Amino acid sequence: MILGAAGLLKGYKATSHWCCRQALAGFGAIPTDERVVRDRNRITGAGVTAGLDFGLMMVAEMRDKVYAECAQIMGEYDPHPPFNAGSMKTAPDDVKKAMIELVADFSKKAEQLAAQSHMNS
C-alpha cells in the first residue's frame, strides 16, 4: 500500500494482505494473491507470515540462498499451523465471513486511499 501510494507500483504485479489486496489496482498495480511477488525491481509481500518468506527471499538476494536457508533454520521457521485457515483459499466459510466483517472498515479505507491516489495522479 505504501509503494502504491507513493506511485511506485503502476504497471507492476504486487501483493498485499488479502483484505486490501484489491486496493492495489487503484494505484495502478496488478494485484496477485501470491505470498511474495517480485516484478522487475519491486518486491511486495502479503500478510504477516508472508513477511517471513519475504525476508528470507531478500536475504537470499542480498547474500545467497545458503545464507538465507541458514537464517531459516536458525529461526526454526518450519510452519505447521494447527488449522488450515491461513488463507482465504483454505479457511472455512464461517471463518472467512467473520474476518470479512472484522476488517470491513480497514478494507474500505484502503480502497478510499487508492481512489484518492488515482484521482491525484
PDB file of N, CA and C in Angstrom:
ATOM      1  N   MET A   1       0.832  -1.184   0.000  1.00  0.00           N
ATOM      2  CA  MET A   1       0.000   0.000   0.000  1.00  0.00           C
ATOM      3  C   MET A   1       0.884   1.258   0.000  1.00  0.00           C
ATOM      4  N   ILE A   2       1.972   1.209   0.740  1.00  0.00           N
ATOM      5  CA  ILE A   2       2.866   2.369   0.803  1.00  0.00           C
ATOM      6  C   ILE A   2       3.514   2.609  -0.555  1.00  0.00           C
ATOM      7  N   LEU A   3       4.002   1.537  -1.180  1.00  0.00           N
ATOM      8  CA  LEU A   3       4.596   1.694  -2.510  1.00  0.00           C
ATOM      9  C   LEU A   3       3.553   2.205  -3.508  1.00  0.00           C
ATOM     10  N   GLY A   4       2.340   1.698  -3.402  1.00  0.00           N
ATOM     11  CA  GLY A   4       1.267   2.142  -4.290  1.00  0.00           C
ATOM     12  C   GLY A   4       0.954   3.613  -4.084  1.00  0.00           C
ATOM     13  N   ALA A   5       0.811   4.020  -2.836  1.00  0.00           N
ATOM     14  CA  ALA A   5       0.503   5.424  -2.534  1.00  0.00           C
ATOM     15  C   ALA A   5       1.625   6.342  -2.997  1.00  0.00           C
ATOM     16  N   ALA A   6       2.845   5.829  -3.021  1.00  0.00           N
ATOM     17  CA  ALA A   6       3.986   6.621  -3.488  1.00  0.00           C
ATOM     18  C   ALA A   6       4.092   6.624  -5.014  1.00  0.00           C
ATOM     19  N   GLY A   7       3.176   5.912  -5.689  1.00  0.00           N
ATOM     20  CA  GLY A   7       3.183   5.874  -7.142  1.00  0.00           C
ATOM     21  C   GLY A   7       4.217   4.931  -7.735  1.00  0.00           C
ATOM     22  N   LEU A   8       4.699   3.985  -6.940  1.00  0.00           N
ATOM     23  CA  LEU A   8       5.782   3.103  -7.388  1.00  0.00           C
ATOM     24  C   LEU A   8       5.325   1.740  -7.889  1.00  0.00           C
ATOM     25  N   LEU A   9       4.014   1.517  -7.980  1.00  0.00           N
ATOM     26  CA  LEU A   9       3.531   0.202  -8.422  1.00  0.00           C
ATOM     27  C   LEU A   9       2.773   0.242  -9.745  1.00  0.00           C
ATOM     28  N   LYS A  10       2.712   1.383 -10.397  1.00  0.00           N
ATOM     29  CA  LYS A  10       1.964   1.482 -11.661  1.00  0.00           C
ATOM     30  C   LYS A  10       2.543   0.517 -12.690  1.00  0.00           C
ATOM     31  N   GLY A  11       1.694  -0.419 -13.130  1.00  0.00           N
ATOM     32  CA  GLY A  11       2.104  -1.398 -14.124  1.00  0.00           C
ATOM     33  C   GLY A  11       2.884  -2.573 -13.575  1.00  0.00           C
ATOM     34  N   TYR A  12       3.039  -2.655 -12.266  1.00  0.00           N
ATOM     35  CA  TYR A  12       3.767  -3.751 -11.637  1.00  0.00           C
ATOM     36  C   TYR A  12       2.797  -4.738 -11.003  1.00  0.00           C
ATOM     37  N   LYS A  13       3.149  -6.027 -11.051  1.00  0.00           N
ATOM     38  CA  LYS A  13       2.421  -7.026 -10.269  1.00  0.00           C
ATOM     39  C   LYS A  13       2.797  -6.797  -8.811  1.00  0.00           C
ATOM     40  N   ALA A  14       1.821  -6.936  -7.921  1.00  0.00           N
ATOM     41  CA  ALA A  14       2.081  -6.709  -6.498  1.00  0.00           C
ATOM     42  C   ALA A  14       1.100  -7.516  -5.665  1.00  0.00           C
ATOM     43  N   THR A  15       1.455  -7.693  -4.407  1.00  0.00           N
ATOM     44  CA  THR A  15       0.578  -8.365  -3.460  1.00  0.00           C
ATOM     45  C   THR A  15       0.531  -7.567  -2.173  1.00  0.00           C
ATOM     46  N   SER A  16      -0.423  -7.894  -1.344  1.00  0.00           N
ATOM     47  CA  SER A  16      -0.567  -7.293  -0.027  1.00  0.00           C
ATOM     48  C   SER A  16      -1.467  -8.221   0.778  1.00  0.00           C
ATOM     49  N   HIS A  17      -1.767  -7.838   1.985  1.00  0.00           N
ATOM     50  CA  HIS A  17      -2.694  -8.618   2.812  1.00  0.00           C
ATOM     51  C   HIS A  17      -4.005  -8.760   2.051  1.00  0.00           C
ATOM     52  N   TRP A  18      -4.648  -9.908   2.190  1.00  0.00           N
ATOM     53  CA  TRP A  18      -5.861 -10.190   1.408  1.00  0.00           C
ATOM     54  C   TRP A  18      -6.944  -9.137   1.582  1.00  0.00           C
ATOM     55  N   CYS A  19      -7.024  -8.514   2.761  1.00  0.00           N
ATOM     56  CA  CYS A  19      -8.141  -7.592   2.996  1.00  0.00           C
ATOM     57  C   CYS A  19      -7.974  -6.258   2.264  1.00  0.00           C
ATOM     58  N   CYS A  20      -6.790  -5.984   1.736  1.00  0.00           N
ATOM     59  CA  CYS A  20      -6.627  -4.733   0.983  1.00  0.00           C
ATOM     60  C   CYS A  20      -5.926  -4.958  -0.357  1.00  0.00           C
ATOM     61  N   ARG A  21      -5.734  -6.208  -0.731  1.00  0.00           N
ATOM     62  CA  ARG A  21      -5.006  -6.529  -1.968  1.00  0.00           C
ATOM     63  C   ARG A  21      -5.652  -5.883  -3.194  1.00  0.00           C
ATOM     64  N   GLN A  22      -6.972  -5.932  -3.289  1.00  0.00           N
ATOM     65  CA  GLN A  22      -7.630  -5.390  -4.475  1.00  0.00           C
ATOM     66  C   GLN A  22      -7.478  -3.874  -4.588  1.00  0.00           C
ATOM     67  N   ALA A  23      -7.220  -3.202  -3.465  1.00  0.00           N
ATOM     68  CA  ALA A  23      -6.999  -1.749  -3.500  1.00  0.00           C
ATOM     69  C   ALA A  23      -5.756  -1.409  -4.314  1.00  0.00           C
ATOM     70  N   LEU A  24      -4.831  -2.348  -4.459  1.00  0.00           N
ATOM     71  CA  LEU A  24      -3.615  -2.097  -5.232  1.00  0.00           C
ATOM     72  C   LEU A  24      -3.939  -1.683  -6.665  1.00  0.00           C
ATOM     73  N   ALA A  25      -5.033  -2.203  -7.210  1.00  0.00           N
ATOM     74  CA  ALA A  25      -5.429  -1.850  -8.578  1.00  0.00           C
ATOM     75  C   ALA A  25      -5.682  -0.351  -8.696  1.00  0.00           C
ATOM     76  N   GLY A  26      -6.194   0.254  -7.623  1.00  0.00           N
ATOM     77  CA  GLY A  26      -6.443   1.691  -7.632  1.00  0.00           C
ATOM     78  C   GLY A  26      -5.163   2.516  -7.712  1.00  0.00           C
ATOM     79  N   PHE A  27      -4.040   1.899  -7.398  1.00  0.00           N
ATOM     80  CA  PHE A  27      -2.735   2.557  -7.514  1.00  0.00           C
ATOM     81  C   PHE A  27      -2.058   2.227  -8.840  1.00  0.00           C
ATOM     82  N   GLY A  28      -2.773   1.494  -9.693  1.00  0.00           N
ATOM     83  CA  GLY A  28      -2.222   1.138 -10.994  1.00  0.00           C
ATOM     84  C   GLY A  28      -1.440  -0.159 -10.993  1.00  0.00           C
ATOM     85  N   ALA A  29      -1.446  -0.869  -9.877  1.00  0.00           N
ATOM     86  CA  ALA A  29      -0.741  -2.151  -9.784  1.00  0.00           C
ATOM     87  C   ALA A  29      -1.617  -3.275 -10.324  1.00  0.00           C
ATOM     88  N   ILE A  30      -1.005  -4.422 -10.524  1.00  0.00           N
ATOM     89  CA  ILE A  30      -1.715  -5.627 -10.949  1.00  0.00           C
ATOM     90  C   ILE A  30      -1.713  -6.567  -9.741  1.00  0.00           C
ATOM     91  N   PRO A  31      -2.831  -6.603  -8.986  1.00  0.00           N
ATOM     92  CA  PRO A  31      -2.861  -7.415  -7.763  1.00  0.00           C
ATOM     93  C   PRO A  31      -2.771  -8.911  -8.049  1.00  0.00           C
ATOM     94  N   THR A  32      -1.956  -9.616  -7.256  1.00  0.00           N
ATOM     95  CA  THR A  32      -1.887 -11.068  -7.331  1.00  0.00           C
ATOM     96  C   THR A  32      -2.012 -11.615  -5.916  1.00  0.00           C
ATOM     97  N   ASP A  33      -2.397 -12.864  -5.799  1.00  0.00           N
ATOM     98  CA  ASP A  33      -2.602 -13.431  -4.467  1.00  0.00           C
ATOM     99  C   ASP A  33      -1.420 -14.279  -3.998  1.00  0.00           C
ATOM    100  N   GLU A  34      -0.257 -14.058  -4.583  1.00  0.00           N
ATOM    101  CA  GLU A  34       0.933 -14.784  -4.149  1.00  0.00           C
ATOM    102  C   GLU A  34       1.445 -14.197  -2.835  1.00  0.00           C
ATOM    103  N   ARG A  35       2.204 -14.985  -2.090  1.00  0.00           N
ATOM    104  CA  ARG A  35       2.742 -14.542  -0.802  1.00  0.00           C
ATOM    105  C   ARG A  35       3.833 -13.493  -0.983  1.00  0.00           C
ATOM    106  N   VAL A  36       4.685 -13.683  -1.968  1.00  0.00           N
ATOM    107  CA  VAL A  36       5.751 -12.729  -2.284  1.00  0.00           C
ATOM    108  C   VAL A  36       5.764 -12.565  -3.796  1.00  0.00           C
ATOM    109  N   VAL A  37       5.807 -11.314  -4.252  1.00  0.00           N
ATOM    110  CA  VAL A  37       5.812 -11.046  -5.689  1.00  0.00           C
ATOM    111  C   VAL A  37       7.017 -10.178  -6.025  1.00  0.00           C
ATOM    112  N   ARG A  38       7.786 -10.653  -6.973  1.00  0.00           N
ATOM    113  CA  ARG A  38       8.888  -9.855  -7.498  1.00  0.00           C
ATOM    114  C   ARG A  38       8.557  -9.534  -8.943  1.00  0.00           C
ATOM    115  N   ASP A  39       8.496  -8.265  -9.249  1.00  0.00           N
ATOM    116  CA  ASP A  39       8.271  -7.818 -10.616  1.00  0.00           C
ATOM    117  C   ASP A  39       9.319  -6.746 -10.907  1.00  0.00           C
ATOM    118  N   ARG A  40      10.252  -7.114 -11.729  1.00  0.00           N
ATOM    119  CA  ARG A  40      11.380  -6.258 -12.059  1.00  0.00           C
ATOM    120  C   ARG A  40      12.090  -5.790 -10.784  1.00  0.00           C
ATOM    121  N   ASN A  41      12.079  -4.509 -10.491  1.00  0.00           N
ATOM    122  CA  ASN A  41      12.798  -4.012  -9.307  1.00  0.00           C
ATOM    123  C   ASN A  41      11.872  -3.699  -8.127  1.00  0.00           C
ATOM    124  N   ARG A  42      10.724  -4.342  -8.093  1.00  0.00           N
ATOM    125  CA  ARG A  42       9.792  -4.167  -6.982  1.00  0.00           C
ATOM    126  C   ARG A  42       9.509  -5.536  -6.360  1.00  0.00           C
ATOM    127  N   ILE A  43       9.515  -5.584  -5.041  1.00  0.00           N
ATOM    128  CA  ILE A  43       9.172  -6.812  -4.321  1.00  0.00           C
ATOM    129  C   ILE A  43       8.129  -6.453  -3.275  1.00  0.00           C
ATOM    130  N   THR A  44       7.027  -7.191  -3.275  1.00  0.00           N
ATOM    131  CA  THR A  44       5.969  -6.960  -2.292  1.00  0.00           C
ATOM    132  C   THR A  44       5.623  -8.269  -1.606  1.00  0.00           C
ATOM    133  N   GLY A  45       5.102  -8.159  -0.395  1.00  0.00           N
ATOM    134  CA  GLY A  45       4.723  -9.334   0.366  1.00  0.00           C
ATOM    135  C   GLY A  45       3.319  -9.198   0.918  1.00  0.00           C
ATOM    136  N   ALA A  46       2.671 -10.329   1.074  1.00  0.00           N
ATOM    137  CA  ALA A  46       1.326 -10.361   1.648  1.00  0.00           C
ATOM    138  C   ALA A  46       1.429 -10.491   3.161  1.00  0.00           C
ATOM    139  N   GLY A  47       0.355 -10.674   3.840  1.00  0.00           N
ATOM    140  CA  GLY A  47       0.206 -10.853   5.275  1.00  0.00           C
ATOM    141  C   GLY A  47       1.429 -11.008   6.163  1.00  0.00           C
ATOM    142  N   VAL A  48       1.193 -11.295   7.409  1.00  0.00           N
ATOM    143  CA  VAL A  48       2.235 -11.321   8.432  1.00  0.00           C
ATOM    144  C   VAL A  48       3.241 -12.442   8.201  1.00  0.00           C
ATOM    145  N   THR A  49       2.794 -13.676   8.079  1.00  0.00           N
ATOM    146  CA  THR A  49       3.759 -14.768   7.914  1.00  0.00           C
ATOM    147  C   THR A  49       4.419 -14.717   6.541  1.00  0.00           C
ATOM    148  N   ALA A  50       3.744 -14.161   5.559  1.00  0.00           N
ATOM    149  CA  ALA A  50       4.377 -13.978   4.253  1.00  0.00           C
ATOM    150  C   ALA A  50       5.559 -13.024   4.384  1.00  0.00           C
ATOM    151  N   GLY A  51       5.546 -12.176   5.394  1.00  0.00           N
ATOM    152  CA  GLY A  51       6.677 -11.287   5.650  1.00  0.00           C
ATOM    153  C   GLY A  51       7.934 -12.063   5.979  1.00  0.00           C
ATOM    154  N   LEU A  52       7.782 -13.212   6.624  1.00  0.00           N
ATOM    155  CA  LEU A  52       8.941 -14.071   6.875  1.00  0.00           C
ATOM    156  C   LEU A  52       9.484 -14.619   5.557  1.00  0.00           C
ATOM    157  N   ASP A  53       8.600 -15.054   4.683  1.00  0.00           N
ATOM    158  CA  ASP A  53       9.015 -15.526   3.360  1.00  0.00           C
ATOM    159  C   ASP A  53       9.718 -14.396   2.604  1.00  0.00           C
ATOM    160  N   PHE A  54       9.125 -13.211   2.674  1.00  0.00           N
ATOM    161  CA  PHE A  54       9.673 -12.023   2.017  1.00  0.00           C
ATOM    162  C   PHE A  54      11.091 -11.764   2.530  1.00  0.00           C
ATOM    163  N   GLY A  55      11.258 -11.783   3.842  1.00  0.00           N
ATOM    164  CA  GLY A  55      12.565 -11.533   4.437  1.00  0.00           C
ATOM    165  C   GLY A  55      13.605 -12.550   4.005  1.00  0.00           C
ATOM    166  N   LEU A  56      13.225 -13.820   3.978  1.00  0.00           N
ATOM    167  CA  LEU A  56      14.155 -14.859   3.550  1.00  0.00           C
ATOM    168  C   LEU A  56      14.538 -14.687   2.080  1.00  0.00           C
ATOM    169  N   MET A  57      13.588 -14.295   1.253  1.00  0.00           N
ATOM    170  CA  MET A  57      13.902 -14.045  -0.156  1.00  0.00           C
ATOM    171  C   MET A  57      14.871 -12.871  -0.300  1.00  0.00           C
ATOM    172  N   MET A  58      14.681 -11.852   0.526  1.00  0.00           N
ATOM    173  CA  MET A  58      15.584 -10.696   0.473  1.00  0.00           C
ATOM    174  C   MET A  58      16.995 -11.096   0.911  1.00  0.00           C
ATOM    175  N   VAL A  59      17.103 -11.907   1.958  1.00  0.00           N
ATOM    176  CA  VAL A  59      18.421 -12.381   2.413  1.00  0.00           C
ATOM    177  C   VAL A  59      19.089 -13.179   1.296  1.00  0.00           C
ATOM    178  N   ALA A  60      18.327 -14.042   0.633  1.00  0.00           N
ATOM    179  CA  ALA A  60      18.882 -14.833  -0.468  1.00  0.00           C
ATOM    180  C   ALA A  60      19.379 -13.930  -1.592  1.00  0.00           C
ATOM    181  N   GLU A  61      18.635 -12.890  -1.860  1.00  0.00           N
ATOM    182  CA  GLU A  61      19.040 -11.983  -2.937  1.00  0.00           C
ATOM    183  C   GLU A  61      20.250 -11.140  -2.545  1.00  0.00           C
ATOM    184  N   MET A  62      20.253 -10.676  -1.310  1.00  0.00           N
ATOM    185  CA  MET A  62      21.330  -9.783  -0.876  1.00  0.00           C
ATOM    186  C   MET A  62      22.609 -10.537  -0.521  1.00  0.00           C
ATOM    187  N   ARG A  63      22.477 -11.795  -0.136  1.00  0.00           N
ATOM    188  CA  ARG A  63      23.651 -12.600   0.251  1.00  0.00           C
ATOM    189  C   ARG A  63      23.720 -13.831  -0.651  1.00  0.00           C
ATOM    190  N   ASP A  64      22.984 -14.860  -0.326  1.00  0.00           N
ATOM    191  CA  ASP A  64      22.843 -16.035  -1.185  1.00  0.00           C
ATOM    192  C   ASP A  64      21.843 -16.991  -0.549  1.00  0.00           C
ATOM    193  N   LYS A  65      21.466 -18.027  -1.301  1.00  0.00           N
ATOM    194  CA  LYS A  65      20.440 -18.964  -0.861  1.00  0.00           C
ATOM    195  C   LYS A  65      20.865 -19.726   0.393  1.00  0.00           C
ATOM    196  N   VAL A  66      22.099 -20.167   0.448  1.00  0.00           N
ATOM    197  CA  VAL A  66      22.560 -20.930   1.612  1.00  0.00           C
ATOM    198  C   VAL A  66      22.463 -20.079   2.879  1.00  0.00           C
ATOM    199  N   TYR A  67      22.867 -18.825   2.792  1.00  0.00           N
ATOM    200  CA  TYR A  67      22.797 -17.942   3.953  1.00  0.00           C
ATOM    201  C   TYR A  67      21.337 -17.748   4.391  1.00  0.00           C
ATOM    202  N   ALA A  68      20.434 -17.603   3.409  1.00  0.00           N
ATOM    203  CA  ALA A  68      19.009 -17.465   3.724  1.00  0.00           C
ATOM    204  C   ALA A  68      18.483 -18.731   4.382  1.00  0.00           C
ATOM    205  N   GLU A  69      18.919 -19.886   3.882  1.00  0.00           N
ATOM    206  CA  GLU A  69      18.491 -21.145   4.486  1.00  0.00           C
ATOM    207  C   GLU A  69      19.061 -21.285   5.899  1.00  0.00           C
ATOM    208  N   CYS A  70      20.262 -20.764   6.129  1.00  0.00           N
ATOM    209  CA  CYS A  70      20.823 -20.755   7.480  1.00  0.00           C
ATOM    210  C   CYS A  70      19.959 -19.891   8.403  1.00  0.00           C
ATOM    211  N   ALA A  71      19.520 -18.742   7.892  1.00  0.00           N
ATOM    212  CA  ALA A  71      18.638 -17.867   8.687  1.00  0.00           C
ATOM    213  C   ALA A  71      17.325 -18.576   8.988  1.00  0.00           C
ATOM    214  N   GLN A  72      16.812 -19.314   8.008  1.00  0.00           N
ATOM    215  CA  GLN A  72      15.562 -20.048   8.200  1.00  0.00           C
ATOM    216  C   GLN A  72      15.708 -21.109   9.284  1.00  0.00           C
ATOM    217  N   ILE A  73      16.789 -21.859   9.238  1.00  0.00           N
ATOM    218  CA  ILE A  73      16.952 -22.914  10.243  1.00  0.00           C
ATOM    219  C   ILE A  73      17.281 -22.320  11.606  1.00  0.00           C
ATOM    220  N   MET A  74      18.007 -21.203  11.649  1.00  0.00           N
ATOM    221  CA  MET A  74      18.305 -20.562  12.925  1.00  0.00           C
ATOM    222  C   MET A  74      17.010 -20.125  13.616  1.00  0.00           C
ATOM    223  N   GLY A  75      16.076 -19.655  12.835  1.00  0.00           N
ATOM    224  CA  GLY A  75      14.780 -19.243  13.377  1.00  0.00           C
ATOM    225  C   GLY A  75      13.798 -20.400  13.515  1.00  0.00           C
ATOM    226  N   GLU A  76      14.210 -21.587  13.158  1.00  0.00           N
ATOM    227  CA  GLU A  76      13.342 -22.763  13.144  1.00  0.00           C
ATOM    228  C   GLU A  76      12.011 -22.463  12.448  1.00  0.00           C
ATOM    229  N   TYR A  77      12.124 -21.779  11.325  1.00  0.00           N
ATOM    230  CA  TYR A  77      10.935 -21.449  10.548  1.00  0.00           C
ATOM    231  C   TYR A  77      10.532 -22.681   9.743  1.00  0.00           C
ATOM    232  N   ASP A  78       9.667 -23.470  10.331  1.00  0.00           N
ATOM    233  CA  ASP A  78       9.180 -24.730   9.764  1.00  0.00           C
ATOM    234  C   ASP A  78       7.710 -24.840  10.133  1.00  0.00           C
ATOM    235  N   PRO A  79       6.882 -23.986   9.535  1.00  0.00           N
ATOM    236  CA  PRO A  79       5.497 -23.869   9.998  1.00  0.00           C
ATOM    237  C   PRO A  79       4.663 -25.141   9.842  1.00  0.00           C
ATOM    238  N   HIS A  80       3.915 -25.390  10.870  1.00  0.00           N
ATOM    239  CA  HIS A  80       2.920 -26.468  10.896  1.00  0.00           C
ATOM    240  C   HIS A  80       1.704 -25.908  11.632  1.00  0.00           C
ATOM    241  N   PRO A  81       0.931 -25.072  10.954  1.00  0.00           N
ATOM    242  CA  PRO A  81      -0.193 -24.423  11.644  1.00  0.00           C
ATOM    243  C   PRO A  81      -1.216 -25.438  12.164  1.00  0.00           C
ATOM    244  N   PRO A  82      -1.830 -25.109  13.286  1.00  0.00           N
ATOM    245  CA  PRO A  82      -2.794 -26.032  13.884  1.00  0.00           C
ATOM    246  C   PRO A  82      -4.116 -26.124  13.110  1.00  0.00           C
ATOM    247  N   PHE A  83      -4.372 -25.142  12.245  1.00  0.00           N
ATOM    248  CA  PHE A  83      -5.622 -25.113  11.478  1.00  0.00           C
ATOM    249  C   PHE A  83      -5.296 -24.841  10.015  1.00  0.00           C
ATOM    250  N   ASN A  84      -6.169 -25.241   9.143  1.00  0.00           N
ATOM    251  CA  ASN A  84      -5.998 -24.966   7.719  1.00  0.00           C
ATOM    252  C   ASN A  84      -6.842 -23.748   7.348  1.00  0.00           C
ATOM    253  N   ALA A  85      -6.619 -22.661   8.086  1.00  0.00           N
ATOM    254  CA  ALA A  85      -7.382 -21.431   7.866  1.00  0.00           C
ATOM    255  C   ALA A  85      -6.437 -20.262   7.628  1.00  0.00           C
ATOM    256  N   GLY A  86      -5.280 -20.518   7.035  1.00  0.00           N
ATOM    257  CA  GLY A  86      -4.270 -19.484   6.865  1.00  0.00           C
ATOM    258  C   GLY A  86      -4.443 -18.606   5.654  1.00  0.00           C
ATOM    259  N   SER A  87      -5.431 -18.892   4.824  1.00  0.00           N
ATOM    260  CA  SER A  87      -5.685 -18.030   3.663  1.00  0.00           C
ATOM    261  C   SER A  87      -7.172 -18.091   3.324  1.00  0.00           C
ATOM    262  N   MET A  88      -7.587 -17.140   2.523  1.00  0.00           N
ATOM    263  CA  MET A  88      -8.987 -17.126   2.097  1.00  0.00           C
ATOM    264  C   MET A  88      -9.292 -18.316   1.176  1.00  0.00           C
ATOM    265  N   LYS A  89      -8.267 -18.940   0.633  1.00  0.00           N
ATOM    266  CA  LYS A  89      -8.474 -20.128  -0.208  1.00  0.00           C
ATOM    267  C   LYS A  89      -8.820 -21.351   0.625  1.00  0.00           C
ATOM    268  N   THR A  90      -8.290 -21.431   1.848  1.00  0.00           N
ATOM    269  CA  THR A  90      -8.434 -22.651   2.636  1.00  0.00           C
ATOM    270  C   THR A  90      -9.328 -22.512   3.864  1.00  0.00           C
ATOM    271  N   ALA A  91      -9.581 -21.293   4.306  1.00  0.00           N
ATOM    272  CA  ALA A  91     -10.359 -21.092   5.533  1.00  0.00           C
ATOM    273  C   ALA A  91     -11.809 -21.554   5.347  1.00  0.00           C
ATOM    274  N   PRO A  92     -12.414 -22.073   6.407  1.00  0.00           N
ATOM    275  CA  PRO A  92     -13.828 -22.446   6.343  1.00  0.00           C
ATOM    276  C   PRO A  92     -14.696 -21.201   6.090  1.00  0.00           C
ATOM    277  N   ASP A  93     -15.833 -21.413   5.484  1.00  0.00           N
ATOM    278  CA  ASP A  93     -16.716 -20.297   5.120  1.00  0.00           C
ATOM    279  C   ASP A  93     -17.086 -19.424   6.314  1.00  0.00           C
ATOM    280  N   ASP A  94     -17.357 -20.020   7.481  1.00  0.00           N
ATOM    281  CA  ASP A  94     -17.739 -19.207   8.633  1.00  0.00           C
ATOM    282  C   ASP A  94     -16.585 -18.326   9.112  1.00  0.00           C
ATOM    283  N   VAL A  95     -15.356 -18.808   8.976  1.00  0.00           N
ATOM    284  CA  VAL A  95     -14.178 -18.020   9.348  1.00  0.00           C
ATOM    285  C   VAL A  95     -13.988 -16.875   8.352  1.00  0.00           C
ATOM    286  N   LYS A  96     -14.125 -17.167   7.065  1.00  0.00           N
ATOM    287  CA  LYS A  96     -13.995 -16.115   6.043  1.00  0.00           C
ATOM    288  C   LYS A  96     -15.022 -15.013   6.273  1.00  0.00           C
ATOM    289  N   LYS A  97     -16.261 -15.413   6.534  1.00  0.00           N
ATOM    290  CA  LYS A  97     -17.332 -14.433   6.761  1.00  0.00           C
ATOM    291  C   LYS A  97     -17.014 -13.560   7.969  1.00  0.00           C
ATOM    292  N   ALA A  98     -16.587 -14.174   9.065  1.00  0.00           N
ATOM    293  CA  ALA A  98     -16.266 -13.413  10.276  1.00  0.00           C
ATOM    294  C   ALA A  98     -15.119 -12.432  10.025  1.00  0.00           C
ATOM    295  N   MET A  99     -14.092 -12.866   9.300  1.00  0.00           N
ATOM    296  CA  MET A  99     -12.943 -11.995   9.039  1.00  0.00           C
ATOM    297  C   MET A  99     -13.303 -10.844   8.115  1.00  0.00           C
ATOM    298  N   ILE A 100     -14.096 -11.113   7.105  1.00  0.00           N
ATOM    299  CA  ILE A 100     -14.510 -10.043   6.190  1.00  0.00           C
ATOM    300  C   ILE A 100     -15.253  -8.966   6.967  1.00  0.00           C
ATOM    301  N   GLU A 101     -16.106  -9.387   7.891  1.00  0.00           N
ATOM    302  CA  GLU A 101     -16.819  -8.416   8.724  1.00  0.00           C
ATOM    303  C   GLU A 101     -15.860  -7.648   9.631  1.00  0.00           C
ATOM    304  N   LEU A 102     -14.886  -8.335  10.211  1.00  0.00           N
ATOM    305  CA  LEU A 102     -13.930  -7.692  11.124  1.00  0.00           C
ATOM    306  C   LEU A 102     -13.055  -6.648  10.445  1.00  0.00           C
ATOM    307  N   VAL A 103     -12.681  -6.880   9.185  1.00  0.00           N
ATOM    308  CA  VAL A 103     -11.765  -5.961   8.504  1.00  0.00           C
ATOM    309  C   VAL A 103     -12.469  -5.041   7.511  1.00  0.00           C
ATOM    310  N   ALA A 104     -13.779  -5.028   7.524  1.00  0.00           N
ATOM    311  CA  ALA A 104     -14.523  -4.247   6.540  1.00  0.00           C
ATOM    312  C   ALA A 104     -14.120  -2.777   6.529  1.00  0.00           C
ATOM    313  N   ASP A 105     -13.973  -2.166   7.691  1.00  0.00           N
ATOM    314  CA  ASP A 105     -13.590  -0.750   7.747  1.00  0.00           C
ATOM    315  C   ASP A 105     -12.195  -0.531   7.174  1.00  0.00           C
ATOM    316  N   PHE A 106     -11.262  -1.421   7.528  1.00  0.00           N
ATOM    317  CA  PHE A 106      -9.900  -1.295   7.013  1.00  0.00           C
ATOM    318  C   PHE A 106      -9.883  -1.445   5.498  1.00  0.00           C
ATOM    319  N   SER A 107     -10.598  -2.444   4.992  1.00  0.00           N
ATOM    320  CA  SER A 107     -10.650  -2.668   3.541  1.00  0.00           C
ATOM    321  C   SER A 107     -11.227  -1.462   2.830  1.00  0.00           C
ATOM    322  N   LYS A 108     -12.269  -0.897   3.406  1.00  0.00           N
ATOM    323  CA  LYS A 108     -12.918   0.278   2.815  1.00  0.00           C
ATOM    324  C   LYS A 108     -11.945   1.465   2.783  1.00  0.00           C
ATOM    325  N   LYS A 109     -11.201   1.670   3.856  1.00  0.00           N
ATOM    326  CA  LYS A 109     -10.233   2.776   3.907  1.00  0.00           C
ATOM    327  C   LYS A 109      -9.117   2.569   2.884  1.00  0.00           C
ATOM    328  N   ALA A 110      -8.687   1.348   2.694  1.00  0.00           N
ATOM    329  CA  ALA A 110      -7.659   1.060   1.697  1.00  0.00           C
ATOM    330  C   ALA A 110      -8.163   1.395   0.301  1.00  0.00           C
ATOM    331  N   GLU A 111      -9.400   1.025   0.013  1.00  0.00           N
ATOM    332  CA  GLU A 111      -9.997   1.342  -1.289  1.00  0.00           C
ATOM    333  C   GLU A 111     -10.124   2.852  -1.473  1.00  0.00           C
ATOM    334  N   GLN A 112     -10.514   3.570  -0.425  1.00  0.00           N
ATOM    335  CA  GLN A 112     -10.630   5.031  -0.497  1.00  0.00           C
ATOM    336  C   GLN A 112      -9.275   5.680  -0.750  1.00  0.00           C
ATOM    337  N   LEU A 113      -8.236   5.190  -0.063  1.00  0.00           N
ATOM    338  CA  LEU A 113      -6.899   5.720  -0.273  1.00  0.00           C
ATOM    339  C   LEU A 113      -6.443   5.512  -1.709  1.00  0.00           C
ATOM    340  N   ALA A 114      -6.719   4.337  -2.233  1.00  0.00           N
ATOM    341  CA  ALA A 114      -6.347   4.045  -3.611  1.00  0.00           C
ATOM    342  C   ALA A 114      -7.111   4.934  -4.580  1.00  0.00           C
ATOM    343  N   ALA A 115      -8.395   5.157  -4.329  1.00  0.00           N
ATOM    344  CA  ALA A 115      -9.210   6.018  -5.199  1.00  0.00           C
ATOM    345  C   ALA A 115      -8.695   7.454  -5.163  1.00  0.00           C
ATOM    346  N   GLN A 116      -8.342   7.938  -3.958  1.00  0.00           N
ATOM    347  CA  GLN A 116      -7.783   9.289  -3.835  1.00  0.00           C
ATOM    348  C   GLN A 116      -6.482   9.409  -4.597  1.00  0.00           C
ATOM    349  N   SER A 117      -5.639   8.426  -4.465  1.00  0.00           N
ATOM    350  CA  SER A 117      -4.351   8.432  -5.135  1.00  0.00           C
ATOM    351  C   SER A 117      -4.536   8.456  -6.652  1.00  0.00           C
ATOM    352  N   HIS A 118      -5.500   7.669  -7.124  1.00  0.00           N
ATOM    353  CA  HIS A 118      -5.778   7.596  -8.555  1.00  0.00           C
ATOM    354  C   HIS A 118      -6.248   8.951  -9.075  1.00  0.00           C
ATOM    355  N   MET A 119      -7.079   9.655  -8.296  1.00  0.00           N
ATOM    356  CA  MET A 119      -7.585  10.966  -8.717  1.00  0.00           C
ATOM    357  C   MET A 119      -6.486  12.016  -8.703  1.00  0.00           C
ATOM    358  N   ASN A 120      -5.496  11.862  -7.837  1.00  0.00           N
ATOM    359  CA  ASN A 120      -4.429  12.840  -7.704  1.00  0.00           C
ATOM    360  C   ASN A 120      -3.306  12.632  -8.714  1.00  0.00           C
ATOM    361  N   SER A 121      -3.330  11.510  -9.441  1.00  0.00           N
ATOM    362  CA  SER A 121      -2.211  11.284 -10.385  1.00  0.00           C
ATOM    363  C   SER A 121      -2.599  11.586 -11.802  1.00  0.00           C
TER     364      SER A 121
END
